[in-house]
Amino acid sequence: MKKIITGLMFSVAAISICSTSFAATSEAKVAYKAANDTADNDYKVASAKCDALAGNAKDICVAEAKLVRTRAKSDAKANYENTPKAYTNAMIDVADAEYDVAKEKCDDKAGNDKDVCVKQAKAVKETAVANAKAGKKVADARSDAAKTKNDAEYKVAIEKCDGLAGPTKDACVASAKAQYGK
């Protein structure tokens, strides 16, 4: 009888966690869509202002508007997905957009000055991409370490339960599984 009651209690807890998770996911999706829509609208307004310009000034203006849109959309996507890979991709996308702006600004120069400007812009981009990838590796290593620690603590908790018997052991094992997400 106690097993049935305990099982029902865990079922109710699992259902409430799942429904809470679904609500949070739904809110996150709405926020993500709203951020994307805002980014697109802001880009339209900014690019419309660029129409008054001509030549390279217009190209720079458009590239800067795209940078702002890319930054907003990338941040929204990274926050929505909330994974190291998503944050890395966001940083890389922003680095690419910043590089495009820098290249457009280099177009105002000529000769060796332009070559140096382009090389410098490319070096800044490559540094940003390398830093983003390094950050992902660090995040992955921390995640792996946390999982290893969690698994080790779970094994200790289960070992402690082995000294018990009957319903007390069952409750101990259930508690350990709930605590360590198993």
Protein backbone atom coordinates (compact mmCIF):
# COMPACT_ATOMS: atom_id res chain seq x y z
CA MET A 1 0.00 0.00 0.00
CA LYS A 2 2.82 2.38 0.87
CA LYS A 3 4.43 1.64 -2.50
CA ILE A 4 1.23 2.62 -4.28
CA ILE A 5 0.91 5.86 -2.33
CA THR A 6 4.59 6.66 -2.86
CA GLY A 7 4.22 5.89 -6.58
CA LEU A 8 1.18 8.15 -6.83
CA MET A 9 3.02 10.96 -5.04
CA PHE A 10 5.95 10.69 -7.47
CA SER A 11 3.53 10.63 -10.42
CA VAL A 12 1.80 13.80 -9.23
CA ALA A 13 5.17 15.49 -8.71
CA ALA A 14 6.35 14.46 -12.18
CA ILE A 15 3.16 15.76 -13.82
CA SER A 16 3.42 19.10 -12.03
CA ILE A 17 7.06 19.45 -13.05
CA CYS A 18 6.22 18.65 -16.67
CA SER A 19 3.33 21.13 -16.77
CA THR A 20 5.51 23.84 -15.22
CA SER A 21 8.24 23.07 -17.76
CA PHE A 22 5.70 23.29 -20.61
CA ALA A 23 4.47 26.67 -19.39
CA ALA A 24 8.04 27.98 -19.12
CA THR A 25 8.82 26.67 -22.60
CA SER A 26 5.71 28.32 -23.99
CA GLU A 27 6.62 31.66 -22.40
CA ALA A 28 10.18 31.36 -23.69
CA LYS A 29 8.91 30.69 -27.20
CA VAL A 30 6.65 33.74 -27.09
CA ALA A 31 9.54 35.91 -25.83
CA TYR A 32 11.81 34.53 -28.57
CA LYS A 33 9.27 35.30 -31.29
CA ALA A 34 8.68 38.79 -29.89
CA ALA A 35 12.43 39.50 -29.83
CA ASN A 36 12.74 38.36 -33.46
CA ASP A 37 9.81 40.51 -34.54
CA THR A 38 11.24 43.53 -32.71
CA ALA A 39 14.64 42.96 -34.34
CA ASP A 40 13.06 42.80 -37.79
CA ASN A 41 11.01 45.96 -37.20
CA ASP A 42 14.04 47.83 -35.84
CA TYR A 43 16.03 46.76 -38.90
CA LYS A 44 13.34 48.05 -41.26
CA VAL A 45 13.33 51.43 -39.51
CA ALA A 46 17.14 51.66 -39.46
CA SER A 47 17.53 50.62 -43.10
CA ALA A 48 14.87 53.13 -44.14
CA LYS A 49 17.03 55.86 -42.57
CA CYS A 50 19.93 54.59 -44.69
CA ASP A 51 17.99 55.35 -47.88
CA ALA A 52 18.75 59.04 -47.41
CA LEU A 53 22.48 58.30 -47.74
CA ALA A 54 24.48 57.46 -50.82
CA GLY A 55 27.60 55.50 -51.74
CA ASN A 56 29.71 53.85 -49.09
CA ALA A 57 28.01 55.79 -46.28
CA LYS A 58 24.79 54.00 -47.21
CA ASP A 59 26.58 50.64 -47.32
CA ILE A 60 28.03 51.25 -43.84
CA CYS A 61 24.62 52.30 -42.52
CA VAL A 62 22.96 49.15 -43.88
CA ALA A 63 25.74 46.93 -42.49
CA GLU A 64 25.35 48.56 -39.07
CA ALA A 65 21.57 48.02 -39.19
CA LYS A 66 22.18 44.37 -40.06
CA LEU A 67 24.64 44.11 -37.17
CA VAL A 68 22.04 45.38 -34.71
CA ARG A 69 19.46 42.93 -36.10
CA THR A 70 21.94 40.04 -36.01
CA ARG A 71 22.94 40.83 -32.43
CA ALA A 72 19.30 40.96 -31.27
CA LYS A 73 18.24 37.81 -33.11
CA SER A 74 21.33 35.84 -32.08
CA ASP A 75 20.92 36.81 -28.44
CA ALA A 76 17.24 35.88 -28.53
CA LYS A 77 17.99 32.49 -30.09
CA ALA A 78 20.81 31.77 -27.65
CA ASN A 79 18.62 32.67 -24.67
CA TYR A 80 15.77 30.56 -26.04
CA GLU A 81 17.91 27.46 -26.72
CA ASN A 82 20.10 28.09 -23.65
CA THR A 83 22.94 25.78 -24.70
CA PRO A 84 26.68 26.40 -24.96
CA LYS A 85 26.45 25.73 -28.70
CA ALA A 86 23.71 28.34 -29.14
CA TYR A 87 25.71 30.98 -27.26
CA THR A 88 28.81 30.13 -29.31
CA ASN A 89 26.88 30.39 -32.56
CA ALA A 90 25.45 33.73 -31.44
CA MET A 91 28.92 35.12 -30.75
CA ILE A 92 30.15 33.86 -34.14
CA ASP A 93 27.18 35.40 -35.95
CA VAL A 94 27.82 38.75 -34.26
CA ALA A 95 31.53 38.54 -35.10
CA ASP A 96 30.64 37.95 -38.77
CA ALA A 97 28.28 40.95 -38.79
CA GLU A 98 30.88 43.16 -37.08
CA TYR A 99 33.40 42.07 -39.71
CA ASP A 100 31.00 43.11 -42.46
CA VAL A 101 30.68 46.56 -40.89
CA ALA A 102 34.46 46.88 -40.55
CA LYS A 103 34.99 45.84 -44.18
CA GLU A 104 32.52 48.48 -45.35
CA LYS A 105 34.36 51.11 -43.34
CA CYS A 106 37.61 49.99 -44.98
CA ASP A 107 36.14 50.74 -48.40
CA ASP A 108 36.62 54.47 -47.67
CA LYS A 109 40.38 53.89 -47.68
CA ALA A 110 42.74 53.18 -50.52
CA GLY A 111 45.96 51.32 -51.18
CA ASN A 112 47.95 49.95 -48.27
CA ASP A 113 45.71 51.66 -45.71
CA LYS A 114 42.74 49.70 -47.05
CA ASP A 115 44.72 46.42 -47.04
CA VAL A 116 45.79 46.99 -43.44
CA CYS A 117 42.24 47.88 -42.44
CA VAL A 118 40.82 44.70 -43.98
CA LYS A 119 43.54 42.54 -42.40
CA GLN A 120 42.89 44.13 -39.02
CA ALA A 121 39.13 43.58 -39.35
CA LYS A 122 39.73 39.94 -40.27
CA ALA A 123 42.09 39.49 -37.30
CA VAL A 124 39.45 40.91 -34.93
CA LYS A 125 36.85 38.54 -36.37
CA GLU A 126 39.12 35.50 -36.11
CA THR A 127 39.95 36.41 -32.50
CA ALA A 128 36.25 36.74 -31.63
CA VAL A 129 35.45 33.39 -33.26
CA ALA A 130 38.35 31.68 -31.46
CA ASN A 131 37.23 33.16 -28.13
CA ALA A 132 33.66 31.97 -28.75
CA LYS A 133 34.83 28.44 -29.51
CA ALA A 134 37.12 28.42 -26.47
CA GLY A 135 34.22 29.56 -24.30
CA LYS A 136 32.13 26.66 -25.60
CA LYS A 137 34.89 24.20 -24.72
CA VAL A 138 35.08 25.59 -21.20
CA ALA A 139 31.30 25.39 -20.82
CA ASP A 140 31.29 21.82 -22.11
CA ALA A 141 34.07 20.86 -19.67
CA ARG A 142 32.14 22.40 -16.76
CA SER A 143 29.00 20.59 -17.83
CA ASP A 144 30.86 17.28 -18.02
CA ALA A 145 32.38 17.89 -14.58
CA ALA A 146 28.97 18.68 -13.09
CA LYS A 147 27.50 15.51 -14.59
CA THR A 148 30.38 13.40 -13.25
CA LYS A 149 29.95 14.94 -9.79
CA ASN A 150 26.19 14.33 -9.87
CA ASP A 151 26.69 10.70 -10.91
CA ALA A 152 29.23 10.14 -8.13
CA GLU A 153 26.96 11.67 -5.50
CA TYR A 154 24.07 9.54 -6.75
CA LYS A 155 26.16 6.38 -6.38
CA VAL A 156 27.02 7.37 -2.80
CA ALA A 157 23.34 7.99 -1.99
CA ILE A 158 22.33 4.61 -3.44
CA GLU A 159 25.12 2.92 -1.49
CA LYS A 160 23.74 4.45 1.71
CA CYS A 161 20.33 3.01 0.84
CA ASP A 162 21.80 -0.50 0.54
CA GLY A 163 22.06 -0.65 4.34
CA LEU A 164 18.30 -0.30 4.66
CA ALA A 165 15.50 -2.78 3.98
CA GLY A 166 11.89 -2.86 2.84
CA PRO A 167 9.84 0.29 2.35
CA THR A 168 12.53 2.42 3.98
CA LYS A 169 15.03 1.32 1.34
CA ASP A 170 12.49 1.92 -1.43
CA ALA A 171 11.83 5.43 -0.13
CA CYS A 172 15.57 6.09 0.16
CA VAL A 173 16.20 4.95 -3.42
CA ALA A 174 13.26 7.00 -4.69
CA SER A 175 14.53 10.04 -2.84
CA ALA A 176 18.02 9.60 -4.26
CA LYS A 177 16.65 9.22 -7.78
CA ALA A 178 14.54 12.34 -7.39
CA GLN A 179 17.38 14.36 -5.87
CA TYR A 180 19.92 13.45 -8.56
CA GLY A 181 17.58 13.38 -11.54
CA LYS A 182 17.76 9.68 -12.30
